[in-house]
């Protein structure tokens, strides 16, 4: 998977998620802060990088969700449903970009993404996300 951030100068960060090289859906994250900027817990987009992804049971959401591993200075970064930057809690939301800073049909896109990840794992493939 590849997450290309396309809007980073707002109170939110908007991106496009590509799966197998094809556009899959949009993403929404907290505000992008420059590398040297102070991290604001729950309100800072994760650093650009290449991270393994697994699906584990989220105690907070009480469901199985994708989890990014080994994100520097961050823990518990999930890909989950939500509509606005207030819903991110520092994580990555997926959905359709219906208006500035808002996603729709997020639960549908989380389910589609989980299916893709599970299918890849069942084929014995590792799942990674590259964020730029």
N, C-alpha and C. Protein backbone atom coordinates (compact mmCIF):
# COMPACT_ATOMS: atom_id res chain seq x y z
N UNK A 1 0.85 -1.18 0.00
CA UNK A 1 0.00 0.00 0.00
C UNK A 1 0.89 1.24 0.00
N UNK A 2 0.39 2.27 -0.62
CA UNK A 2 1.08 3.55 -0.64
C UNK A 2 0.09 4.65 -0.28
N UNK A 3 0.47 5.48 0.68
CA UNK A 3 -0.36 6.62 1.04
C UNK A 3 0.38 7.87 0.57
N UNK A 4 -0.19 8.54 -0.42
CA UNK A 4 0.37 9.80 -0.92
C UNK A 4 -0.42 10.95 -0.33
N UNK A 5 0.24 11.73 0.48
CA UNK A 5 -0.42 12.90 1.08
C UNK A 5 -0.52 14.00 0.04
N UNK A 6 -1.73 14.52 -0.15
CA UNK A 6 -1.95 15.53 -1.18
C UNK A 6 -2.28 16.90 -0.62
N UNK A 7 -2.76 16.97 0.63
CA UNK A 7 -3.02 18.25 1.29
C UNK A 7 -2.38 18.17 2.67
N UNK A 8 -1.39 19.05 2.92
CA UNK A 8 -0.69 19.03 4.21
C UNK A 8 -0.70 20.40 4.89
N UNK A 9 -1.33 21.40 4.28
CA UNK A 9 -1.24 22.76 4.82
C UNK A 9 -2.53 23.22 5.50
N UNK A 10 -3.34 22.31 5.93
CA UNK A 10 -4.61 22.61 6.59
C UNK A 10 -4.56 22.05 8.01
N UNK A 11 -5.63 22.20 8.77
CA UNK A 11 -5.67 21.56 10.10
C UNK A 11 -5.81 20.04 10.01
N UNK A 12 -5.83 19.54 8.78
CA UNK A 12 -5.91 18.10 8.54
C UNK A 12 -4.94 17.75 7.41
N UNK A 13 -4.71 16.45 7.23
CA UNK A 13 -3.86 15.95 6.15
C UNK A 13 -4.70 15.00 5.32
N UNK A 14 -4.84 15.30 4.04
CA UNK A 14 -5.63 14.48 3.13
C UNK A 14 -4.69 13.71 2.22
N UNK A 15 -5.01 12.45 1.99
CA UNK A 15 -4.16 11.64 1.13
C UNK A 15 -4.97 10.71 0.26
N UNK A 16 -4.27 10.04 -0.65
CA UNK A 16 -4.85 8.99 -1.48
C UNK A 16 -4.12 7.70 -1.16
N UNK A 17 -4.89 6.65 -0.93
CA UNK A 17 -4.32 5.34 -0.65
C UNK A 17 -4.36 4.51 -1.92
N UNK A 18 -3.19 3.99 -2.28
CA UNK A 18 -3.09 3.09 -3.43
C UNK A 18 -2.86 1.69 -2.91
N UNK A 19 -3.57 0.73 -3.49
CA UNK A 19 -3.41 -0.68 -3.14
C UNK A 19 -3.06 -1.40 -4.44
N UNK A 20 -1.97 -2.14 -4.42
CA UNK A 20 -1.48 -2.83 -5.62
C UNK A 20 -1.30 -1.85 -6.78
N UNK A 21 -0.85 -0.63 -6.45
CA UNK A 21 -0.55 0.38 -7.46
C UNK A 21 -1.75 1.11 -8.03
N UNK A 22 -2.96 0.79 -7.55
CA UNK A 22 -4.17 1.43 -8.06
C UNK A 22 -4.84 2.25 -6.97
N UNK A 23 -5.43 3.41 -7.37
CA UNK A 23 -6.13 4.23 -6.39
C UNK A 23 -7.22 3.42 -5.73
N UNK A 24 -7.25 3.49 -4.40
CA UNK A 24 -8.19 2.70 -3.62
C UNK A 24 -9.22 3.60 -2.94
N UNK A 25 -8.75 4.57 -2.16
CA UNK A 25 -9.64 5.49 -1.46
C UNK A 25 -8.84 6.70 -0.96
N UNK A 26 -9.51 7.59 -0.28
CA UNK A 26 -8.85 8.75 0.33
C UNK A 26 -8.55 8.44 1.79
N UNK A 27 -7.63 9.21 2.34
CA UNK A 27 -7.29 9.09 3.76
C UNK A 27 -7.37 10.47 4.41
N UNK A 28 -7.58 10.46 5.71
CA UNK A 28 -7.60 11.69 6.49
C UNK A 28 -6.81 11.45 7.76
N UNK A 29 -5.91 12.38 8.07
CA UNK A 29 -5.06 12.29 9.26
C UNK A 29 -5.04 13.64 9.95
N UNK A 30 -4.47 13.69 11.15
CA UNK A 30 -4.30 14.98 11.81
C UNK A 30 -3.33 15.87 11.04
N UNK A 31 -3.12 17.05 11.54
CA UNK A 31 -2.25 18.04 10.91
C UNK A 31 -0.83 17.51 10.72
N UNK A 32 -0.28 17.79 9.54
CA UNK A 32 1.11 17.46 9.25
C UNK A 32 1.99 18.51 9.92
N UNK A 33 3.00 18.06 10.65
CA UNK A 33 3.94 18.98 11.30
C UNK A 33 5.33 18.65 10.78
N UNK A 34 6.13 19.67 10.56
CA UNK A 34 7.48 19.46 10.06
C UNK A 34 8.26 18.58 11.02
N UNK A 35 9.24 17.88 10.49
CA UNK A 35 10.03 16.91 11.25
C UNK A 35 10.51 17.44 12.60
N UNK A 36 10.95 18.67 12.66
CA UNK A 36 11.50 19.23 13.90
C UNK A 36 10.42 19.80 14.81
N UNK A 37 9.18 19.90 14.31
CA UNK A 37 8.09 20.46 15.11
C UNK A 37 7.74 19.53 16.26
N UNK A 38 7.22 20.11 17.32
CA UNK A 38 6.82 19.33 18.48
C UNK A 38 5.59 18.49 18.15
N UNK A 39 5.63 17.22 18.53
CA UNK A 39 4.49 16.32 18.34
C UNK A 39 3.40 16.70 19.32
N UNK A 40 2.18 16.80 18.82
CA UNK A 40 1.02 17.03 19.66
C UNK A 40 0.25 15.71 19.69
N UNK A 41 0.24 15.02 20.83
CA UNK A 41 -0.39 13.69 20.88
C UNK A 41 -1.83 13.71 20.35
N UNK A 42 -2.12 12.77 19.45
CA UNK A 42 -3.45 12.65 18.88
C UNK A 42 -3.79 13.69 17.83
N UNK A 43 -2.88 14.65 17.60
CA UNK A 43 -3.16 15.73 16.66
C UNK A 43 -2.01 15.97 15.69
N UNK A 44 -1.19 14.94 15.50
CA UNK A 44 -0.05 15.05 14.60
C UNK A 44 -0.02 13.83 13.67
N UNK A 45 0.09 14.08 12.37
CA UNK A 45 0.21 12.99 11.40
C UNK A 45 1.53 12.24 11.65
N UNK A 46 1.52 10.95 11.40
CA UNK A 46 2.72 10.15 11.63
C UNK A 46 3.80 10.51 10.61
N UNK A 47 5.06 10.21 10.93
CA UNK A 47 6.14 10.53 10.00
C UNK A 47 6.07 9.70 8.72
N UNK A 48 6.58 10.29 7.66
CA UNK A 48 6.67 9.54 6.41
C UNK A 48 7.60 8.36 6.62
N UNK A 49 7.31 7.25 5.97
CA UNK A 49 8.13 6.07 6.14
C UNK A 49 7.46 4.84 5.56
N UNK A 50 8.03 3.70 5.86
CA UNK A 50 7.59 2.40 5.35
C UNK A 50 7.34 1.51 6.57
N UNK A 51 6.08 1.12 6.79
CA UNK A 51 5.70 0.43 8.02
C UNK A 51 4.96 -0.87 7.75
N UNK A 52 5.28 -1.93 8.52
CA UNK A 52 4.49 -3.16 8.40
C UNK A 52 3.08 -2.93 8.96
N UNK A 53 2.12 -3.66 8.38
CA UNK A 53 0.73 -3.55 8.80
C UNK A 53 0.22 -4.94 9.17
N UNK A 54 -0.42 -5.04 10.32
CA UNK A 54 -1.06 -6.28 10.76
C UNK A 54 -2.50 -5.93 11.14
N UNK A 55 -3.31 -6.95 11.28
CA UNK A 55 -4.67 -6.72 11.79
C UNK A 55 -4.73 -7.35 13.17
N UNK A 56 -5.10 -6.54 14.16
CA UNK A 56 -5.25 -7.01 15.54
C UNK A 56 -6.56 -6.46 16.10
N UNK A 57 -6.97 -7.04 17.19
CA UNK A 57 -8.20 -6.58 17.85
C UNK A 57 -7.90 -5.29 18.60
N UNK A 58 -8.66 -4.26 18.31
CA UNK A 58 -8.51 -2.97 18.97
C UNK A 58 -9.36 -2.94 20.24
N UNK A 59 -8.72 -2.75 21.40
CA UNK A 59 -9.50 -2.65 22.63
C UNK A 59 -10.41 -1.42 22.62
N UNK A 60 -9.94 -0.34 22.02
CA UNK A 60 -10.72 0.89 21.98
C UNK A 60 -11.96 0.75 21.10
N UNK A 61 -11.79 0.19 19.90
CA UNK A 61 -12.90 0.09 18.95
C UNK A 61 -13.64 -1.25 19.04
N UNK A 62 -13.07 -2.21 19.82
CA UNK A 62 -13.68 -3.51 20.02
C UNK A 62 -13.98 -4.23 18.70
N UNK A 63 -13.00 -4.14 17.78
CA UNK A 63 -13.09 -4.84 16.50
C UNK A 63 -11.69 -5.04 15.95
N UNK A 64 -11.57 -5.88 14.94
CA UNK A 64 -10.30 -6.14 14.28
C UNK A 64 -10.01 -5.02 13.30
N UNK A 65 -8.84 -4.39 13.45
CA UNK A 65 -8.47 -3.25 12.61
C UNK A 65 -7.00 -3.31 12.23
N UNK A 66 -6.63 -2.73 11.08
CA UNK A 66 -5.22 -2.64 10.72
C UNK A 66 -4.44 -1.79 11.73
N UNK A 67 -3.24 -2.23 12.03
CA UNK A 67 -2.34 -1.56 12.97
C UNK A 67 -0.98 -1.38 12.31
N UNK A 68 -0.44 -0.17 12.32
CA UNK A 68 0.89 0.10 11.79
C UNK A 68 1.91 -0.16 12.89
N UNK A 69 2.97 -0.86 12.55
CA UNK A 69 4.01 -1.20 13.52
C UNK A 69 5.25 -0.34 13.32
N UNK A 70 5.98 -0.14 14.39
CA UNK A 70 7.30 0.49 14.38
C UNK A 70 7.29 1.94 13.87
N UNK A 71 6.23 2.68 14.20
CA UNK A 71 6.16 4.10 13.83
C UNK A 71 6.92 4.87 14.91
N UNK A 72 8.00 5.59 14.52
CA UNK A 72 8.82 6.28 15.52
C UNK A 72 8.00 7.29 16.35
N UNK A 73 8.12 7.16 17.67
CA UNK A 73 7.48 8.06 18.64
C UNK A 73 5.95 7.99 18.65
N UNK A 74 5.38 6.96 18.01
CA UNK A 74 3.94 6.77 17.99
C UNK A 74 3.63 5.33 18.36
N UNK A 75 2.48 5.11 19.02
CA UNK A 75 2.01 3.77 19.34
C UNK A 75 0.53 3.68 19.02
N UNK A 76 0.09 2.48 18.67
CA UNK A 76 -1.34 2.25 18.46
C UNK A 76 -1.93 2.96 17.26
N UNK A 77 -1.13 3.13 16.20
CA UNK A 77 -1.63 3.81 15.00
C UNK A 77 -2.46 2.82 14.18
N UNK A 78 -3.74 3.09 14.11
CA UNK A 78 -4.69 2.23 13.41
C UNK A 78 -5.18 2.89 12.13
N UNK A 79 -5.73 2.08 11.26
CA UNK A 79 -6.52 2.57 10.14
C UNK A 79 -7.95 2.22 10.53
N UNK A 80 -8.78 3.25 10.69
CA UNK A 80 -10.15 3.00 11.17
C UNK A 80 -11.14 3.97 10.53
N UNK A 81 -12.40 3.78 10.86
CA UNK A 81 -13.47 4.61 10.30
C UNK A 81 -13.57 5.94 11.04
N UNK A 82 -14.02 6.95 10.32
CA UNK A 82 -14.27 8.27 10.87
C UNK A 82 -14.50 9.24 9.74
N UNK A 83 -14.99 10.41 10.08
CA UNK A 83 -15.35 11.36 9.03
C UNK A 83 -14.55 12.65 9.02
N UNK A 84 -14.09 13.10 10.19
CA UNK A 84 -13.39 14.38 10.27
C UNK A 84 -12.09 14.21 11.06
N UNK A 85 -11.27 15.24 11.04
CA UNK A 85 -9.99 15.19 11.74
C UNK A 85 -10.19 14.94 13.24
N UNK A 86 -11.31 15.35 13.78
CA UNK A 86 -11.58 15.11 15.20
C UNK A 86 -11.71 13.62 15.49
N UNK A 87 -12.03 12.82 14.48
CA UNK A 87 -12.20 11.38 14.65
C UNK A 87 -10.87 10.62 14.56
N UNK A 88 -9.79 11.28 14.15
CA UNK A 88 -8.55 10.55 13.86
C UNK A 88 -7.83 10.07 15.10
N UNK A 89 -7.79 10.85 16.16
CA UNK A 89 -7.03 10.50 17.38
C UNK A 89 -5.60 10.11 17.02
N UNK A 90 -5.04 10.74 15.98
CA UNK A 90 -3.67 10.46 15.56
C UNK A 90 -3.56 9.33 14.56
N UNK A 91 -4.66 8.70 14.21
CA UNK A 91 -4.65 7.55 13.30
C UNK A 91 -4.98 7.98 11.87
N UNK A 92 -5.16 6.98 11.00
CA UNK A 92 -5.49 7.20 9.60
C UNK A 92 -6.93 6.75 9.36
N UNK A 93 -7.74 7.66 8.83
CA UNK A 93 -9.11 7.33 8.44
C UNK A 93 -9.13 7.05 6.95
N UNK A 94 -10.04 6.20 6.49
CA UNK A 94 -10.20 5.93 5.06
C UNK A 94 -11.66 6.16 4.66
N UNK A 95 -11.86 6.55 3.40
CA UNK A 95 -13.21 6.77 2.90
C UNK A 95 -13.19 7.51 1.58
N UNK A 96 -14.34 8.09 1.25
CA UNK A 96 -14.47 8.91 0.05
C UNK A 96 -14.38 10.36 0.48
N UNK A 97 -13.68 11.17 -0.30
CA UNK A 97 -13.53 12.60 0.00
C UNK A 97 -14.72 13.35 -0.60
N UNK A 98 -15.68 13.70 0.27
CA UNK A 98 -16.92 14.31 -0.19
C UNK A 98 -16.91 15.83 -0.11
N UNK A 99 -16.15 16.37 0.80
CA UNK A 99 -15.99 17.82 0.93
C UNK A 99 -14.67 18.07 1.65
N UNK A 100 -14.22 19.31 1.64
CA UNK A 100 -12.91 19.62 2.23
C UNK A 100 -12.83 19.13 3.68
N UNK A 101 -11.83 18.28 3.92
CA UNK A 101 -11.57 17.80 5.28
C UNK A 101 -12.57 16.80 5.82
N UNK A 102 -13.40 16.21 4.94
CA UNK A 102 -14.43 15.27 5.39
C UNK A 102 -14.40 14.00 4.52
N UNK A 103 -14.53 12.85 5.17
CA UNK A 103 -14.66 11.58 4.46
C UNK A 103 -16.06 11.02 4.69
N UNK A 104 -16.54 10.23 3.72
CA UNK A 104 -17.81 9.54 3.88
C UNK A 104 -17.61 8.06 3.57
N UNK A 105 -18.59 7.25 3.91
CA UNK A 105 -18.57 5.79 3.69
C UNK A 105 -17.32 5.15 4.28
N UNK A 106 -16.87 5.65 5.40
CA UNK A 106 -15.62 5.20 6.00
C UNK A 106 -15.67 3.73 6.44
N UNK A 107 -16.75 3.30 7.05
CA UNK A 107 -16.83 1.90 7.49
C UNK A 107 -16.73 0.94 6.31
N UNK A 108 -17.38 1.29 5.22
CA UNK A 108 -17.32 0.48 4.01
C UNK A 108 -15.88 0.33 3.54
N UNK A 109 -15.11 1.44 3.52
CA UNK A 109 -13.73 1.40 3.04
C UNK A 109 -12.81 0.67 4.01
N UNK A 110 -13.08 0.78 5.31
CA UNK A 110 -12.29 -0.01 6.28
C UNK A 110 -12.51 -1.50 6.02
N UNK A 111 -13.76 -1.89 5.81
CA UNK A 111 -14.05 -3.31 5.55
C UNK A 111 -13.36 -3.79 4.27
N UNK A 112 -13.41 -2.98 3.22
CA UNK A 112 -12.75 -3.35 1.96
C UNK A 112 -11.24 -3.49 2.15
N UNK A 113 -10.66 -2.56 2.91
CA UNK A 113 -9.22 -2.61 3.14
C UNK A 113 -8.84 -3.82 3.98
N UNK A 114 -9.61 -4.11 5.02
CA UNK A 114 -9.33 -5.29 5.84
C UNK A 114 -9.37 -6.55 5.00
N UNK A 115 -10.33 -6.65 4.10
CA UNK A 115 -10.45 -7.83 3.23
C UNK A 115 -9.19 -7.97 2.38
N UNK A 116 -8.70 -6.87 1.82
CA UNK A 116 -7.48 -6.91 1.00
C UNK A 116 -6.29 -7.37 1.82
N UNK A 117 -6.18 -6.86 3.05
CA UNK A 117 -5.06 -7.22 3.92
C UNK A 117 -5.14 -8.70 4.30
N UNK A 118 -6.31 -9.16 4.69
CA UNK A 118 -6.49 -10.57 5.06
C UNK A 118 -6.17 -11.47 3.87
N UNK A 119 -6.64 -11.11 2.69
CA UNK A 119 -6.34 -11.91 1.49
C UNK A 119 -4.84 -12.02 1.25
N UNK A 120 -4.13 -10.89 1.40
CA UNK A 120 -2.68 -10.90 1.20
C UNK A 120 -2.00 -11.78 2.24
N UNK A 121 -2.42 -11.67 3.49
CA UNK A 121 -1.83 -12.48 4.56
C UNK A 121 -2.08 -13.97 4.30
N UNK A 122 -3.29 -14.31 3.81
CA UNK A 122 -3.61 -15.71 3.53
C UNK A 122 -2.76 -16.27 2.39
N UNK A 123 -2.29 -15.40 1.50
CA UNK A 123 -1.39 -15.83 0.43
C UNK A 123 0.06 -15.87 0.91
N UNK A 124 0.27 -15.54 2.18
CA UNK A 124 1.62 -15.57 2.74
C UNK A 124 2.42 -14.30 2.45
N UNK A 125 1.76 -13.25 2.03
CA UNK A 125 2.44 -12.00 1.71
C UNK A 125 2.52 -11.09 2.94
N UNK A 126 3.60 -10.35 3.03
CA UNK A 126 3.70 -9.32 4.04
C UNK A 126 2.94 -8.09 3.55
N UNK A 127 2.40 -7.34 4.48
CA UNK A 127 1.66 -6.12 4.12
C UNK A 127 2.39 -4.93 4.74
N UNK A 128 2.68 -3.97 3.88
CA UNK A 128 3.40 -2.76 4.29
C UNK A 128 2.67 -1.54 3.75
N UNK A 129 2.86 -0.41 4.41
CA UNK A 129 2.35 0.85 3.91
C UNK A 129 3.51 1.82 3.81
N UNK A 130 3.65 2.44 2.65
CA UNK A 130 4.65 3.49 2.45
C UNK A 130 3.92 4.82 2.45
N UNK A 131 4.37 5.72 3.30
CA UNK A 131 3.71 7.02 3.44
C UNK A 131 4.66 8.10 2.98
N UNK A 132 4.20 8.92 2.03
CA UNK A 132 5.05 10.02 1.52
C UNK A 132 4.23 11.27 1.35
